[in-house]
Amino acid sequence: MGFRALFVVWRDFVRRDDLFSGFLRYASLNVLGMLGLSCYILADTYFIAKGMGADGLAALNLAIPVYSFMNGAALMLGMGGATRYSILRGAGDREGADPIFTKTLAYAAALAALFVLIGLFGAERLASLLGAKGAVYDMTRTYLRVILLFSPAFLLNQTLLCFVRNDGGPHLAMAAMVSGSLANIVLDYVFIFPCGMGIFGAVLATGCAPLISIAILSFWFFQKNNSLRLTRSRPDLRTAGDLAALGGTSLVVEVSSGVVILVFNLLILSLEGSVGVAAYGVIANLSLVALSIFTGLGQGVQPLVSRCWGRGEREQTGRVYRYAMASALLFAVAVYGLIWAFPAQIAAAFNGEGDLGLQRMAERGLRLYFLGLPFAGFNMVSAACLSAMERSRPAFLISVLRGFALILPLAGVLARLLGMTGVWLSFPAAELGTAVVTACLLGKNGIFSKRKKMF
């Protein structure tokens, strides 16, 4: 069968299968959007490495855990609120769904106020706690203060992205994420090089990205098919707890990446010093981009999964999960293939000073660390789909295992036994162990059964 014939078969299948075409639309748009969104962290890494060398790269890596926590809190509220909104809308409960949007915005505003206060009065202390010293301390403090002062924009942006996507606007959500990221990359270059603003310019560019995204998302409220409404509703602890439970996996995913970076920084500082931290900075930031593919898949299929689940369509829910899982594994193999083939070129792109020690460590780390990608995809997509079906406990367990319970002790033990090699191998080891637990949880709930049953 020729290529043209295969294309015709594929096209006809997509046209006949509304669920699959919906999956392609939501998943592809959100993966592209998440890749664009994560690329502004990668742009920070590249331009800071070129403009400020190893000290700037180390400062960025020390500050990333705080950014991860802030972004995770925003995703927890956005994904939790949007999931509950979609489930209620799928069940036909419009009166119950409408107040969720207003309450989520109120919770986001309260969190943003807390982050702003920390930025104003606690940036110095926070930089010290993260291990920053000397010139790295000054850069880290500046980055933390500015990024926290922009927290209202980050929280509002994530909330709007989740709700607009669930309200039928995945194209606009993708356009907003990509536009903000592209603007950040351009501003990174302008602020760091022509303007000579250093680390302040890098973080200022990052803070401007969500403002541009919010401006684009605001067009949704002028569309005829917009269903998002501000209502008179009082925020309450019960609703806050419900949203936190439904969006908890998103928080754990983001926070765990920050905690892992923090712990790895401390381990590597004791093993190889600031050059080792800079080498890990390359791997950590590339990891955020690679894992954003799985985050994008999980967030992209969430509206479909929640809608099918709210309608009681269990078999369709299982089909969406299987589509997402096949896509995750395909992405993982493709990304690792590129990393295995071009480790030297990837490391050199972020080694602005041509440091041979950094180059050697980054090359070896890339090939070892990213062995965990297929297992990470399996775990992250499974947790996201479980959360979208109100199965918050197994979803939370999966996220905690891969985020804290396994990788932290493994990192300590393997680093003591194998040095830097052990640090790199702790990620794939933790993801593999979590994948075994994930498979057991899914099997227990019926996903591998031949019966037409899902959970």
Protein backbone atom coordinates (compact mmCIF):
# COMPACT_ATOMS: atom_id res chain seq x y z
CA MET A 1 0.00 0.00 0.00
CA GLY A 2 1.47 3.32 -1.11
CA PHE A 3 1.85 6.48 0.97
CA ARG A 4 -1.13 8.12 -0.74
CA ALA A 5 -3.37 5.14 0.00
CA LEU A 6 -2.28 5.13 3.65
CA PHE A 7 -3.03 8.83 3.89
CA VAL A 8 -6.54 8.30 2.46
CA VAL A 9 -7.25 5.49 4.96
CA TRP A 10 -6.01 7.71 7.81
CA ARG A 11 -8.07 10.70 6.64
CA ASP A 12 -11.26 8.66 6.30
CA PHE A 13 -10.74 7.11 9.74
CA VAL A 14 -10.30 10.51 11.37
CA ARG A 15 -13.40 11.86 9.65
CA ARG A 16 -15.54 8.91 10.77
CA ASP A 17 -14.24 8.82 14.34
CA ASP A 18 -15.41 11.98 16.09
CA LEU A 19 -13.72 10.99 19.36
CA PHE A 20 -10.35 10.45 17.72
CA SER A 21 -10.56 13.68 15.72
CA GLY A 22 -11.44 15.48 18.95
CA PHE A 23 -8.44 13.90 20.62
CA LEU A 24 -6.16 15.01 17.79
CA ARG A 25 -7.48 18.55 17.98
CA TYR A 26 -7.25 18.99 21.76
CA ALA A 27 -4.04 17.02 22.32
CA SER A 28 -2.04 18.39 19.39
CA LEU A 29 -2.98 22.00 20.10
CA ASN A 30 -2.16 21.70 23.77
CA VAL A 31 1.12 19.86 23.22
CA LEU A 32 2.20 22.59 20.81
CA GLY A 33 1.11 25.23 23.30
CA MET A 34 2.94 23.58 26.19
CA LEU A 35 6.09 23.20 24.11
CA GLY A 36 5.90 26.89 23.30
CA LEU A 37 5.26 27.74 26.94
CA SER A 38 8.19 25.67 28.17
CA CYS A 39 10.48 27.12 25.53
CA TYR A 40 10.72 30.43 27.36
CA ILE A 41 12.52 28.60 30.17
CA LEU A 42 14.79 27.09 27.55
CA ALA A 43 15.30 30.56 26.04
CA ASP A 44 16.28 31.85 29.49
CA THR A 45 18.79 29.01 29.77
CA TYR A 46 20.32 29.66 26.35
CA PHE A 47 20.55 33.45 26.57
CA ILE A 48 21.71 33.48 30.19
CA ALA A 49 24.39 30.91 29.34
CA LYS A 50 25.57 33.08 26.46
CA GLY A 51 25.34 36.39 28.30
CA MET A 52 26.29 35.53 31.90
CA GLY A 53 28.14 32.22 31.74
CA ALA A 54 28.13 29.46 34.36
CA ASP A 55 27.23 31.82 37.26
CA GLY A 56 24.10 33.00 35.48
CA LEU A 57 23.13 29.43 34.58
CA ALA A 58 23.63 28.32 38.19
CA ALA A 59 21.48 31.24 39.46
CA LEU A 60 18.68 30.34 37.05
CA ASN A 61 18.79 26.72 38.13
CA LEU A 62 18.65 27.67 41.82
CA ALA A 63 15.60 29.88 41.20
CA ILE A 64 13.64 27.37 39.10
CA PRO A 65 12.14 25.49 42.12
CA VAL A 66 10.34 28.66 43.22
CA TYR A 67 9.01 29.23 39.69
CA SER A 68 7.90 25.57 39.59
CA PHE A 69 5.98 25.92 42.86
CA MET A 70 4.27 29.11 41.71
CA ASN A 71 3.36 27.59 38.35
CA GLY A 72 2.20 24.39 40.06
CA ALA A 73 -0.14 26.30 42.37
CA ALA A 74 -1.59 28.08 39.33
CA LEU A 75 -2.07 24.79 37.50
CA MET A 76 -3.66 23.16 40.55
CA LEU A 77 -6.36 25.83 40.64
CA GLY A 78 -6.77 26.06 36.87
CA MET A 79 -6.90 22.31 36.20
CA GLY A 80 -8.96 21.59 39.31
CA GLY A 81 -11.50 24.29 38.50
CA ALA A 82 -11.68 23.43 34.80
CA THR A 83 -12.07 19.70 35.54
CA ARG A 84 -14.98 20.29 37.93
CA TYR A 85 -16.50 22.76 35.45
CA SER A 86 -16.35 20.21 32.60
CA ILE A 87 -17.73 17.34 34.68
CA LEU A 88 -20.70 19.45 35.80
CA ARG A 89 -21.32 20.73 32.28
CA GLY A 90 -21.10 17.18 30.91
CA ALA A 91 -23.71 16.09 33.45
CA GLY A 92 -25.98 18.99 32.42
CA ASP A 93 -25.63 20.89 35.72
CA ARG A 94 -25.20 24.45 34.42
CA GLU A 95 -26.15 26.07 37.74
CA GLY A 96 -23.45 24.12 39.54
CA ALA A 97 -20.83 24.78 36.86
CA ASP A 98 -21.16 28.56 36.49
CA PRO A 99 -19.88 29.63 39.96
CA ILE A 100 -16.73 27.48 39.64
CA PHE A 101 -15.03 29.98 37.33
CA THR A 102 -15.58 32.91 39.71
CA LYS A 103 -14.42 30.97 42.75
CA THR A 104 -11.28 29.76 41.00
CA LEU A 105 -10.35 33.35 40.12
CA ALA A 106 -10.84 34.37 43.75
CA TYR A 107 -8.56 31.58 45.01
CA ALA A 108 -5.93 32.55 42.41
CA ALA A 109 -6.03 36.18 43.57
CA ALA A 110 -5.47 35.15 47.19
CA LEU A 111 -2.46 32.99 46.27
CA ALA A 112 -1.01 35.74 44.07
CA ALA A 113 -1.14 38.20 46.97
CA LEU A 114 0.87 35.76 49.09
CA PHE A 115 3.52 35.31 46.41
CA VAL A 116 3.85 39.07 45.92
CA LEU A 117 4.47 39.56 49.65
CA ILE A 118 7.18 36.89 49.59
CA GLY A 119 8.80 38.61 46.60
CA LEU A 120 8.80 41.98 48.33
CA PHE A 121 10.05 40.91 51.74
CA GLY A 122 11.57 37.43 51.45
CA ALA A 123 13.65 37.23 48.24
CA GLU A 124 16.98 37.57 50.07
CA ARG A 125 16.20 34.89 52.61
CA LEU A 126 14.83 32.60 49.92
CA ALA A 127 17.98 32.95 47.81
CA SER A 128 20.11 31.99 50.82
CA LEU A 129 17.95 28.97 51.60
CA LEU A 130 18.36 27.76 48.02
CA GLY A 131 22.14 27.72 48.45
CA ALA A 132 23.10 30.82 46.44
CA LYS A 133 26.40 32.51 47.34
CA GLY A 134 28.57 35.35 46.02
CA ALA A 135 27.76 36.60 42.52
CA VAL A 136 25.28 33.75 42.10
CA TYR A 137 23.40 35.01 45.18
CA ASP A 138 22.85 38.48 43.70
CA MET A 139 21.52 37.05 40.45
CA THR A 140 19.29 34.51 42.22
CA ARG A 141 17.80 37.18 44.52
CA THR A 142 16.98 39.42 41.55
CA TYR A 143 15.38 36.58 39.61
CA LEU A 144 13.26 35.48 42.58
CA ARG A 145 12.03 38.97 43.45
CA VAL A 146 10.91 39.84 39.93
CA ILE A 147 9.32 36.47 39.13
CA LEU A 148 7.29 36.55 42.36
CA LEU A 149 6.11 40.11 41.70
CA PHE A 150 4.74 38.86 38.38
CA SER A 151 2.84 36.03 40.11
CA PRO A 152 -0.64 37.60 39.58
CA ALA A 153 -0.05 37.41 35.82
CA PHE A 154 1.13 33.79 35.99
CA LEU A 155 -1.84 32.64 38.11
CA LEU A 156 -4.44 34.48 36.04
CA ASN A 157 -2.91 33.20 32.81
CA GLN A 158 -2.96 29.55 33.87
CA THR A 159 -6.53 29.82 35.15
CA LEU A 160 -7.78 31.38 31.92
CA LEU A 161 -5.88 28.88 29.78
CA CYS A 162 -7.51 25.92 31.51
CA PHE A 163 -11.03 27.33 31.44
CA VAL A 164 -10.90 28.62 27.86
CA ARG A 165 -9.60 25.23 26.69
CA ASN A 166 -12.42 23.42 28.53
CA ASP A 167 -15.00 25.88 27.24
CA GLY A 168 -14.28 24.93 23.63
CA GLY A 169 -11.38 27.25 22.79
CA PRO A 170 -8.28 25.00 22.42
CA HIS A 171 -7.13 26.96 19.35
CA LEU A 172 -7.15 30.26 21.24
CA ALA A 173 -5.43 28.69 24.26
CA MET A 174 -2.67 27.35 22.02
CA ALA A 175 -2.31 30.70 20.25
CA ALA A 176 -2.02 32.48 23.60
CA MET A 177 0.65 30.11 24.94
CA VAL A 178 2.75 30.21 21.78
CA SER A 179 2.46 33.99 21.38
CA GLY A 180 3.55 34.62 24.95
CA SER A 181 6.50 32.26 24.56
CA LEU A 182 7.66 33.77 21.27
CA ALA A 183 7.47 37.26 22.76
CA ASN A 184 9.52 36.06 25.72
CA ILE A 185 12.24 34.70 23.46
CA VAL A 186 12.46 37.97 21.53
CA LEU A 187 12.46 40.06 24.71
CA ASP A 188 15.10 37.77 26.26
CA TYR A 189 17.49 38.63 23.47
CA VAL A 190 16.65 42.35 23.46
CA PHE A 191 16.90 42.82 27.24
CA ILE A 192 20.04 40.72 27.77
CA PHE A 193 22.17 41.76 24.79
CA PRO A 194 21.27 45.13 23.18
CA CYS A 195 19.96 46.55 26.49
CA GLY A 196 22.60 44.88 28.68
CA MET A 197 20.11 44.25 31.52
CA GLY A 198 21.61 40.92 32.60
CA ILE A 199 19.59 38.57 34.80
CA PHE A 200 16.99 41.28 35.41
CA GLY A 201 16.33 41.45 31.68
CA ALA A 202 15.90 37.67 31.48
CA VAL A 203 13.35 37.51 34.27
CA LEU A 204 11.56 40.64 33.03
CA ALA A 205 11.09 38.97 29.64
CA THR A 206 9.72 35.87 31.37
CA GLY A 207 7.28 37.99 33.39
CA CYS A 208 5.97 39.73 30.27
CA ALA A 209 5.02 36.42 28.59
CA PRO A 210 1.83 35.73 30.61
CA LEU A 211 0.66 39.34 30.12
CA ILE A 212 0.69 38.84 26.36
CA SER A 213 -1.05 35.48 26.73
CA ILE A 214 -3.79 37.02 28.92
CA ALA A 215 -4.40 39.75 26.33
CA ILE A 216 -5.02 37.09 23.66
CA LEU A 217 -7.20 34.93 25.94
CA SER A 218 -9.42 37.93 26.72
CA PHE A 219 -10.84 37.70 23.17
CA TRP A 220 -12.68 34.54 24.23
CA PHE A 221 -15.09 36.58 26.33
CA PHE A 222 -16.34 38.32 23.17
CA GLN A 223 -17.09 35.06 21.33
CA LYS A 224 -20.66 33.85 20.87
CA ASN A 225 -19.87 30.35 22.14
CA ASN A 226 -18.27 31.63 25.35
CA SER A 227 -19.95 30.05 28.39
CA LEU A 228 -17.70 31.49 31.10
CA ARG A 229 -19.56 33.89 33.36
CA LEU A 230 -18.71 35.82 36.51
CA THR A 231 -21.40 35.13 39.09
CA ARG A 232 -22.15 36.26 42.62
CA SER A 233 -20.73 33.40 44.62
CA ARG A 234 -18.81 33.29 47.83
CA PRO A 235 -15.57 31.24 47.91
CA ASP A 236 -15.71 28.46 50.51
CA LEU A 237 -13.29 25.95 51.94
CA ARG A 238 -15.24 22.95 50.63
CA THR A 239 -14.95 24.09 47.02
CA ALA A 240 -11.31 25.04 47.53
CA GLY A 241 -10.59 21.55 48.85
CA ASP A 242 -12.41 19.96 45.92
CA LEU A 243 -10.42 21.95 43.37
CA ALA A 244 -7.16 21.23 45.19
CA ALA A 245 -7.92 17.49 45.12
CA LEU A 246 -8.79 17.47 41.41
CA GLY A 247 -5.81 19.65 40.46
CA GLY A 248 -3.41 18.22 43.03
CA THR A 249 -1.56 16.08 40.51
CA SER A 250 -0.69 19.18 38.48
CA LEU A 251 0.74 20.82 41.60
CA VAL A 252 2.75 17.72 42.51
CA VAL A 253 4.13 17.42 38.97
CA GLU A 254 5.34 21.03 38.96
CA VAL A 255 6.51 21.15 42.57
CA SER A 256 8.27 17.81 42.29
CA SER A 257 10.34 19.07 39.38
CA GLY A 258 11.35 22.05 41.50
CA VAL A 259 12.14 19.91 44.55
CA VAL A 260 14.15 17.47 42.46
CA ILE A 261 16.14 20.35 40.98
CA LEU A 262 16.76 21.73 44.48
CA VAL A 263 17.93 18.38 45.89
CA PHE A 264 20.04 17.63 42.84
CA ASN A 265 21.63 21.09 43.07
CA LEU A 266 22.69 20.42 46.65
CA LEU A 267 24.00 16.93 45.81
CA ILE A 268 25.90 18.14 42.75
CA LEU A 269 27.35 21.13 44.61
CA SER A 270 28.94 18.68 47.03
CA LEU A 271 30.20 16.46 44.19
CA GLU A 272 31.27 18.82 41.39
CA GLY A 273 30.66 22.41 42.55
CA SER A 274 29.04 25.17 40.47
CA VAL A 275 30.23 23.69 37.16
CA GLY A 276 28.29 20.52 37.96
CA VAL A 277 25.21 22.60 38.81
CA ALA A 278 25.56 24.39 35.48
CA ALA A 279 25.77 21.03 33.67
CA TYR A 280 22.66 19.88 35.49
CA GLY A 281 21.00 23.17 34.57
CA VAL A 282 21.23 22.15 30.91
CA ILE A 283 19.63 18.76 31.63
CA ALA A 284 17.01 20.13 34.03
CA ASN A 285 15.77 22.74 31.59
CA LEU A 286 15.70 20.31 28.67
CA SER A 287 13.82 17.92 30.93
CA LEU A 288 11.18 20.57 31.61
CA VAL A 289 10.66 20.93 27.87
CA ALA A 290 10.54 17.17 27.24
CA LEU A 291 8.13 16.54 30.12
CA SER A 292 5.94 19.40 28.91
CA ILE A 293 4.93 17.10 26.04
CA PHE A 294 3.36 14.69 28.53
CA THR A 295 1.90 17.56 30.55
CA GLY A 296 0.40 18.90 27.33
CA LEU A 297 -1.10 15.53 26.48
CA GLY A 298 -2.63 15.21 29.94
CA GLN A 299 -4.05 18.72 29.91
CA GLY A 300 -5.17 18.37 26.31
CA VAL A 301 -7.24 15.23 26.86
CA GLN A 302 -8.62 16.41 30.21
CA PRO A 303 -11.66 18.18 28.69
CA LEU A 304 -12.54 15.06 26.65
CA VAL A 305 -11.99 12.67 29.55
CA SER A 306 -13.97 14.80 32.01
CA ARG A 307 -16.81 15.31 29.52
CA CYS A 308 -17.07 11.58 28.72
CA TRP A 309 -16.84 10.72 32.40
CA GLY A 310 -19.54 13.24 33.33
CA ARG A 311 -21.86 11.70 30.71
CA GLY A 312 -21.20 8.17 31.96
CA GLU A 313 -19.46 7.12 28.72
CA ARG A 314 -16.91 4.73 30.22
CA GLU A 315 -15.77 3.00 27.03
CA GLN A 316 -15.13 6.33 25.30
CA THR A 317 -13.12 7.44 28.33
CA GLY A 318 -10.90 4.37 27.95
CA ARG A 319 -10.38 5.05 24.26
CA VAL A 320 -9.20 8.60 24.92
CA TYR A 321 -6.75 7.25 27.51
CA ARG A 322 -5.34 4.73 25.06
CA TYR A 323 -4.92 7.38 22.37
CA ALA A 324 -3.03 9.57 24.84
CA MET A 325 -0.81 6.72 26.04
CA ALA A 326 0.19 5.66 22.52
CA SER A 327 1.07 9.27 21.71
CA ALA A 328 3.13 9.66 24.91
CA LEU A 329 5.23 6.58 24.22
CA LEU A 330 5.79 7.62 20.61
CA PHE A 331 6.96 11.08 21.70
CA ALA A 332 9.26 9.57 24.35
CA VAL A 333 11.04 7.29 21.88
CA ALA A 334 11.46 10.12 19.34
CA VAL A 335 12.86 12.61 21.88
CA TYR A 336 15.30 10.10 23.38
CA GLY A 337 16.47 9.14 19.90
CA LEU A 338 17.45 12.76 19.25
CA ILE A 339 19.20 13.07 22.61
CA TRP A 340 21.13 9.83 22.10
CA ALA A 341 22.24 10.88 18.63
CA PHE A 342 23.27 14.49 19.38
CA PRO A 343 24.37 14.88 23.03
CA ALA A 344 27.51 16.85 22.18
CA GLN A 345 25.66 19.36 20.03
CA ILE A 346 22.90 19.82 22.62
CA ALA A 347 25.36 20.38 25.48
CA ALA A 348 27.51 22.75 23.39
CA ALA A 349 24.50 24.96 22.62
CA PHE A 350 24.27 25.85 26.33
CA ASN A 351 28.00 25.91 27.05
CA GLY A 352 28.71 29.52 26.12
CA GLU A 353 32.16 29.57 27.74
CA GLY A 354 33.28 26.24 26.19
CA ASP A 355 33.91 24.68 29.63
CA LEU A 356 35.24 21.15 28.98
CA GLY A 357 34.13 19.85 32.39
CA LEU A 358 30.60 21.12 31.89
CA GLN A 359 30.55 19.65 28.36
CA ARG A 360 31.62 16.16 29.47
CA MET A 361 29.19 16.01 32.40
CA ALA A 362 26.25 17.30 30.35
CA GLU A 363 26.85 14.83 27.50
CA ARG A 364 26.94 11.82 29.82
CA GLY A 365 24.03 13.11 31.87
CA LEU A 366 21.80 13.60 28.82
CA ARG A 367 22.08 9.98 27.72
CA LEU A 368 21.55 8.54 31.21
CA TYR A 369 18.95 10.90 32.66
CA PHE A 370 16.56 10.77 29.70
CA LEU A 371 16.32 6.97 29.79
CA GLY A 372 13.36 7.64 32.08
CA LEU A 373 11.26 9.43 29.44
CA PRO A 374 9.01 6.49 28.36
CA PHE A 375 8.20 5.63 31.98
CA ALA A 376 7.60 9.30 32.80
CA GLY A 377 5.13 9.57 29.90
CA PHE A 378 3.23 6.49 31.08
CA ASN A 379 3.05 7.78 34.66
CA MET A 380 2.16 11.41 33.88
CA VAL A 381 -0.59 10.70 31.33
CA SER A 382 -2.11 8.02 33.57
CA ALA A 383 -2.18 10.38 36.56
CA ALA A 384 -3.72 13.20 34.49
CA CYS A 385 -6.49 10.97 33.12
CA LEU A 386 -7.27 9.50 36.54
CA SER A 387 -7.55 13.00 37.99
CA ALA A 388 -9.88 14.06 35.15
CA MET A 389 -12.16 11.15 36.15
CA GLU A 390 -12.35 12.26 39.81
CA ARG A 391 -9.95 9.46 40.79
CA SER A 392 -7.76 11.87 42.72
CA ARG A 393 -6.29 9.35 45.19
CA PRO A 394 -4.54 6.99 42.74
CA ALA A 395 -3.57 10.00 40.60
CA PHE A 396 -2.05 11.72 43.63
CA LEU A 397 -0.23 8.52 44.66
CA ILE A 398 1.37 8.19 41.24
CA SER A 399 2.45 11.83 41.27
CA VAL A 400 3.88 11.64 44.78
CA LEU A 401 5.81 8.45 44.03
CA ARG A 402 7.52 9.83 40.94
CA GLY A 403 7.90 13.32 42.41
CA PHE A 404 9.08 12.74 45.98
CA ALA A 405 8.85 9.29 47.50
CA LEU A 406 11.17 7.45 45.12
CA ILE A 407 13.47 9.91 43.39
CA LEU A 408 14.69 11.74 46.51
CA PRO A 409 15.98 8.69 48.43
CA LEU A 410 17.25 7.11 45.20
CA ALA A 411 19.19 10.28 44.35
CA GLY A 412 20.88 10.26 47.76
CA VAL A 413 21.75 6.55 47.72
CA LEU A 414 22.87 6.36 44.10
CA ALA A 415 24.92 9.57 44.38
CA ARG A 416 26.77 8.09 47.35
CA LEU A 417 27.40 4.81 45.49
CA LEU A 418 28.06 6.03 41.93
CA GLY A 419 28.75 9.77 42.16
CA MET A 420 27.40 11.82 39.25
CA THR A 421 26.38 8.66 37.37
CA GLY A 422 24.09 7.82 40.28
CA VAL A 423 22.56 11.30 40.16
CA TRP A 424 21.74 10.89 36.47
CA LEU A 425 20.31 7.36 36.94
CA SER A 426 18.02 8.28 39.84
CA PHE A 427 15.41 9.79 37.49
CA PRO A 428 14.93 6.72 35.24
CA ALA A 429 15.05 4.43 38.30
CA ALA A 430 12.30 6.40 40.06
CA GLU A 431 10.11 6.56 36.95
CA LEU A 432 10.51 2.81 36.36
CA GLY A 433 9.51 2.02 39.94
CA THR A 434 6.50 4.32 39.70
CA ALA A 435 5.49 2.74 36.38
CA VAL A 436 5.23 -0.65 38.07
CA VAL A 437 2.88 0.81 40.69
CA THR A 438 0.91 2.67 38.01
CA ALA A 439 0.39 -0.51 36.00
CA CYS A 440 -0.85 -2.30 39.14
CA LEU A 441 -3.31 0.51 39.90
CA LEU A 442 -4.65 0.55 36.34
CA GLY A 443 -4.92 -3.25 36.23
CA LYS A 444 -6.78 -3.28 39.53
CA ASN A 445 -9.27 -0.78 38.11
CA GLY A 446 -9.94 -2.80 34.95
CA ILE A 447 -8.03 -1.02 32.21
CA PHE A 448 -6.37 -4.24 31.06
CA SER A 449 -9.58 -6.25 31.20
CA LYS A 450 -11.08 -7.55 27.96
CA ARG A 451 -14.47 -6.35 29.12
CA LYS A 452 -15.68 -3.04 27.74
CA LYS A 453 -15.14 -1.36 31.04
CA MET A 454 -12.99 1.50 32.19
CA PHE A 455 -12.34 1.85 35.90
